[in-house]
């Protein structure tokens, strides 16, 4: 009886190892397709990868991203929803569901749904820069500039060299008529070159 049990364990372990090897093979194929912008094939291979190994969350996220960039938002949304059914506190799935909500349309409901998901993602992972930048974008769309500036500044505290954030801040300050601040952010974003005049203005800003 003990021998039979041991044989069963060995067979199960061998099968599990084989599944993981197959999963890795499909994942590597999917990643190669993704990098070469062959997104339909990438999505198919990522799906095969997690069918071999259901614990391979990265394959599910990569399949989701492939569908997202194919503008197949319903397919991407189904994956994010399934991931969140399995784990309601999966910050990456929350971020992508928010991103899909915004890509699907900028209605008030989509903005509210996206904001809710992003706030939860940031509660789970305070330093999640992409979630923080996307939340700032929602505030920017609503022209809630104070909140947008706060989130962009928080993102810069986490990682200082974010050209996209400086560009967005320059647009906000321009809309607010704060042209000196806008120019400073344009320089930080690499849009404008720093001049002696801009250096003097910056000194006056912080006197």
Protein backbone atom coordinates (compact mmCIF):
# COMPACT_ATOMS: atom_id res chain seq x y z
CA UNK A 1 0.00 0.00 0.00
CA UNK A 2 2.82 2.38 0.91
CA UNK A 3 4.63 1.54 -2.32
CA UNK A 4 1.46 2.22 -4.34
CA UNK A 5 1.02 5.57 -2.60
CA UNK A 6 4.64 6.51 -3.26
CA UNK A 7 4.30 5.62 -6.96
CA UNK A 8 1.18 7.83 -7.19
CA UNK A 9 3.03 10.74 -5.62
CA UNK A 10 5.97 10.32 -8.02
CA UNK A 11 3.64 10.21 -11.04
CA UNK A 12 1.74 13.28 -9.84
CA UNK A 13 4.99 15.18 -9.24
CA UNK A 14 6.28 14.24 -12.70
CA UNK A 15 3.03 15.42 -14.28
CA UNK A 16 3.17 18.69 -12.36
CA UNK A 17 6.77 19.32 -13.46
CA UNK A 18 5.85 18.57 -17.06
CA UNK A 19 2.92 21.01 -16.89
CA UNK A 20 5.17 23.75 -15.51
CA UNK A 21 7.72 23.15 -18.28
CA UNK A 22 4.97 23.37 -20.89
CA UNK A 23 3.67 26.54 -19.24
CA UNK A 24 7.11 28.14 -19.40
CA UNK A 25 7.47 27.17 -23.06
CA UNK A 26 4.15 28.78 -23.98
CA UNK A 27 4.86 31.84 -21.82
CA UNK A 28 8.21 32.40 -23.52
CA UNK A 29 6.53 32.09 -26.94
CA UNK A 30 3.86 34.56 -25.83
CA UNK A 31 6.44 37.04 -24.58
CA UNK A 32 8.36 36.83 -27.87
CA UNK A 33 5.13 37.41 -29.83
CA UNK A 34 4.19 40.30 -27.56
CA UNK A 35 7.55 42.02 -28.03
CA UNK A 36 7.21 41.56 -31.80
CA UNK A 37 3.72 43.08 -31.68
CA UNK A 38 2.08 39.81 -32.77
CA UNK A 39 -0.63 40.29 -30.18
CA UNK A 40 -3.21 37.68 -31.33
CA UNK A 41 -0.58 34.94 -31.17
CA UNK A 42 0.73 36.33 -27.87
CA UNK A 43 -2.73 36.15 -26.28
CA UNK A 44 -3.16 32.55 -27.48
CA UNK A 45 0.20 31.44 -26.08
CA UNK A 46 -0.31 33.19 -22.74
CA UNK A 47 -3.68 31.43 -22.43
CA UNK A 48 -2.05 28.07 -23.13
CA UNK A 49 0.59 28.86 -20.51
CA UNK A 50 -1.88 29.33 -17.66
CA UNK A 51 -3.99 26.40 -18.87
CA UNK A 52 -0.89 24.30 -18.13
CA UNK A 53 -0.25 26.09 -14.84
CA UNK A 54 -3.24 27.96 -13.42
CA UNK A 55 -1.07 29.62 -10.75
CA UNK A 56 0.83 31.55 -13.45
CA UNK A 57 -0.77 34.96 -12.85
CA UNK A 58 1.72 36.76 -15.05
CA UNK A 59 0.44 34.82 -18.07
CA UNK A 60 -3.14 35.92 -17.32
CA UNK A 61 -2.08 39.55 -17.01
CA UNK A 62 -0.10 39.36 -20.24
CA UNK A 63 -3.09 37.85 -22.05
CA UNK A 64 -5.19 40.71 -20.67
CA UNK A 65 -2.64 43.27 -21.91
CA UNK A 66 -2.56 41.66 -25.35
CA UNK A 67 -6.34 41.98 -25.64
CA UNK A 68 -6.20 45.54 -24.31
CA UNK A 69 -3.78 46.68 -27.01
CA UNK A 70 -5.89 44.87 -29.60
CA UNK A 71 -8.81 47.03 -28.39
CA UNK A 72 -10.63 43.84 -27.38
CA UNK A 73 -11.75 45.48 -24.15
CA UNK A 74 -14.52 42.98 -23.33
CA UNK A 75 -12.05 40.08 -23.42
CA UNK A 76 -9.56 42.03 -21.31
CA UNK A 77 -12.29 42.96 -18.84
CA UNK A 78 -13.40 39.33 -18.47
CA UNK A 79 -9.86 38.34 -17.48
CA UNK A 80 -9.52 41.13 -14.92
CA UNK A 81 -12.93 40.29 -13.43
CA UNK A 82 -12.03 36.60 -13.16
CA UNK A 83 -8.72 37.46 -11.49
CA UNK A 84 -10.56 39.64 -8.97
CA UNK A 85 -13.09 36.90 -8.25
CA UNK A 86 -10.16 34.68 -7.29
CA UNK A 87 -8.46 37.46 -5.34
CA UNK A 88 -10.35 40.74 -4.73
CA UNK A 89 -7.12 42.33 -3.44
CA UNK A 90 -4.99 41.82 -6.56
CA UNK A 91 -3.69 45.35 -7.18
CA UNK A 92 -2.50 44.71 -10.76
CA UNK A 93 -5.91 43.39 -11.83
CA UNK A 94 -7.56 46.43 -10.22
CA UNK A 95 -5.26 48.76 -12.14
CA UNK A 96 -5.97 47.09 -15.47
CA UNK A 97 -9.71 47.02 -14.88
CA UNK A 98 -9.54 50.77 -14.26
CA UNK A 99 -7.48 51.26 -17.42
CA UNK A 100 -10.01 49.26 -19.42
CA UNK A 101 -12.89 51.33 -17.97
CA UNK A 102 -11.22 54.52 -19.21
CA UNK A 103 -10.36 53.07 -22.60
CA UNK A 104 -13.93 51.89 -23.10
CA UNK A 105 -15.25 55.43 -22.68
CA UNK A 106 -15.00 58.51 -20.47
CA UNK A 107 -18.56 58.58 -19.14
CA UNK A 108 -19.05 59.60 -15.52
CA UNK A 109 -19.76 55.96 -14.60
CA UNK A 110 -16.53 54.73 -16.18
CA UNK A 111 -14.60 57.47 -14.32
CA UNK A 112 -16.25 56.54 -11.01
CA UNK A 113 -15.58 52.81 -11.52
CA UNK A 114 -11.96 53.46 -12.49
CA UNK A 115 -11.39 55.79 -9.54
CA UNK A 116 -12.79 53.20 -7.13
CA UNK A 117 -10.50 50.46 -8.47
CA UNK A 118 -7.44 52.73 -8.41
CA UNK A 119 -8.06 53.89 -4.86
CA UNK A 120 -8.25 50.27 -3.73
CA UNK A 121 -5.10 49.40 -5.68
CA UNK A 122 -3.26 52.25 -3.95
CA UNK A 123 -4.52 51.16 -0.54
CA UNK A 124 -2.96 47.78 -1.27
CA UNK A 125 0.21 49.20 -2.81
CA UNK A 126 0.91 52.84 -1.94
CA UNK A 127 3.91 53.02 -4.29
CA UNK A 128 2.03 51.73 -7.34
CA UNK A 129 3.13 54.55 -9.66
CA UNK A 130 1.06 53.58 -12.70
CA UNK A 131 -2.10 53.49 -10.59
CA UNK A 132 -1.31 56.87 -9.07
CA UNK A 133 -0.65 58.45 -12.48
CA UNK A 134 -3.88 57.01 -13.89
CA UNK A 135 -5.82 58.34 -10.90
CA UNK A 136 -4.29 61.78 -11.52
CA UNK A 137 -5.41 61.51 -15.14
CA UNK A 138 -9.01 60.95 -14.00
CA UNK A 139 -8.84 64.10 -11.88
CA UNK A 140 -7.33 65.95 -14.85
CA UNK A 141 -10.22 64.83 -17.11
CA UNK A 142 -12.66 66.16 -14.50
CA UNK A 143 -10.62 69.36 -14.16
CA UNK A 144 -10.11 68.61 -10.49
CA UNK A 145 -6.66 70.12 -10.75
CA UNK A 146 -5.78 70.26 -7.07
CA UNK A 147 -6.32 66.51 -6.70
CA UNK A 148 -4.49 65.81 -9.95
CA UNK A 149 -1.46 67.84 -8.87
CA UNK A 150 -1.42 66.03 -5.51
CA UNK A 151 -1.31 62.59 -7.19
CA UNK A 152 1.29 63.63 -9.76
CA UNK A 153 3.49 65.08 -7.00
CA UNK A 154 3.15 61.84 -5.03
CA UNK A 155 4.26 59.90 -8.11
CA UNK A 156 7.32 62.15 -8.40
CA UNK A 157 8.15 61.54 -4.75
CA UNK A 158 8.25 57.81 -5.48
CA UNK A 159 10.21 58.15 -8.72
CA UNK A 160 11.58 61.54 -9.63
CA UNK A 161 12.35 61.26 -13.33
CA UNK A 162 8.91 60.85 -14.91
CA UNK A 163 8.72 62.91 -18.10
CA UNK A 164 5.05 62.04 -18.63
CA UNK A 165 4.16 63.45 -15.21
CA UNK A 166 6.08 66.70 -15.77
CA UNK A 167 4.31 67.11 -19.14
CA UNK A 168 0.90 66.62 -17.50
CA UNK A 169 1.74 69.08 -14.73
CA UNK A 170 2.80 71.66 -17.33
CA UNK A 171 -0.63 71.33 -18.97
CA UNK A 172 -2.43 71.74 -15.65
CA UNK A 173 -0.43 74.82 -14.67
CA UNK A 174 -1.02 76.28 -18.14
CA UNK A 175 -4.79 75.78 -17.76
CA UNK A 176 -4.59 77.50 -14.38
CA UNK A 177 -2.69 80.45 -15.86
CA UNK A 178 0.41 79.63 -13.79
CA UNK A 179 2.71 80.03 -16.76
CA UNK A 180 6.02 80.18 -14.88
CA UNK A 181 5.24 76.88 -13.17
CA UNK A 182 4.10 75.45 -16.50
CA UNK A 183 7.36 76.43 -18.17
CA UNK A 184 9.38 74.86 -15.35
CA UNK A 185 7.52 71.56 -15.85
CA UNK A 186 8.01 71.79 -19.63
CA UNK A 187 11.74 72.06 -19.04
CA UNK A 188 11.63 69.08 -16.66
CA UNK A 189 9.70 67.14 -19.32
CA UNK A 190 12.36 67.96 -21.92
CA UNK A 191 9.91 69.94 -24.05
CA UNK A 192 11.65 73.32 -23.59
CA UNK A 193 15.30 74.14 -23.02
CA UNK A 194 16.40 75.95 -19.90
CA UNK A 195 17.51 79.55 -20.45
CA UNK A 196 18.96 82.21 -18.19
CA UNK A 197 15.54 83.87 -18.08
CA UNK A 198 13.83 80.64 -17.01
CA UNK A 199 16.51 80.10 -14.33
CA UNK A 200 15.81 83.57 -12.92
CA UNK A 201 12.06 82.92 -12.97
CA UNK A 202 12.54 79.68 -11.06
CA UNK A 203 14.59 81.49 -8.42
CA UNK A 204 11.78 84.02 -8.01
CA UNK A 205 9.20 81.20 -7.71
CA UNK A 206 10.92 79.77 -4.66
CA UNK A 207 12.03 82.96 -2.87
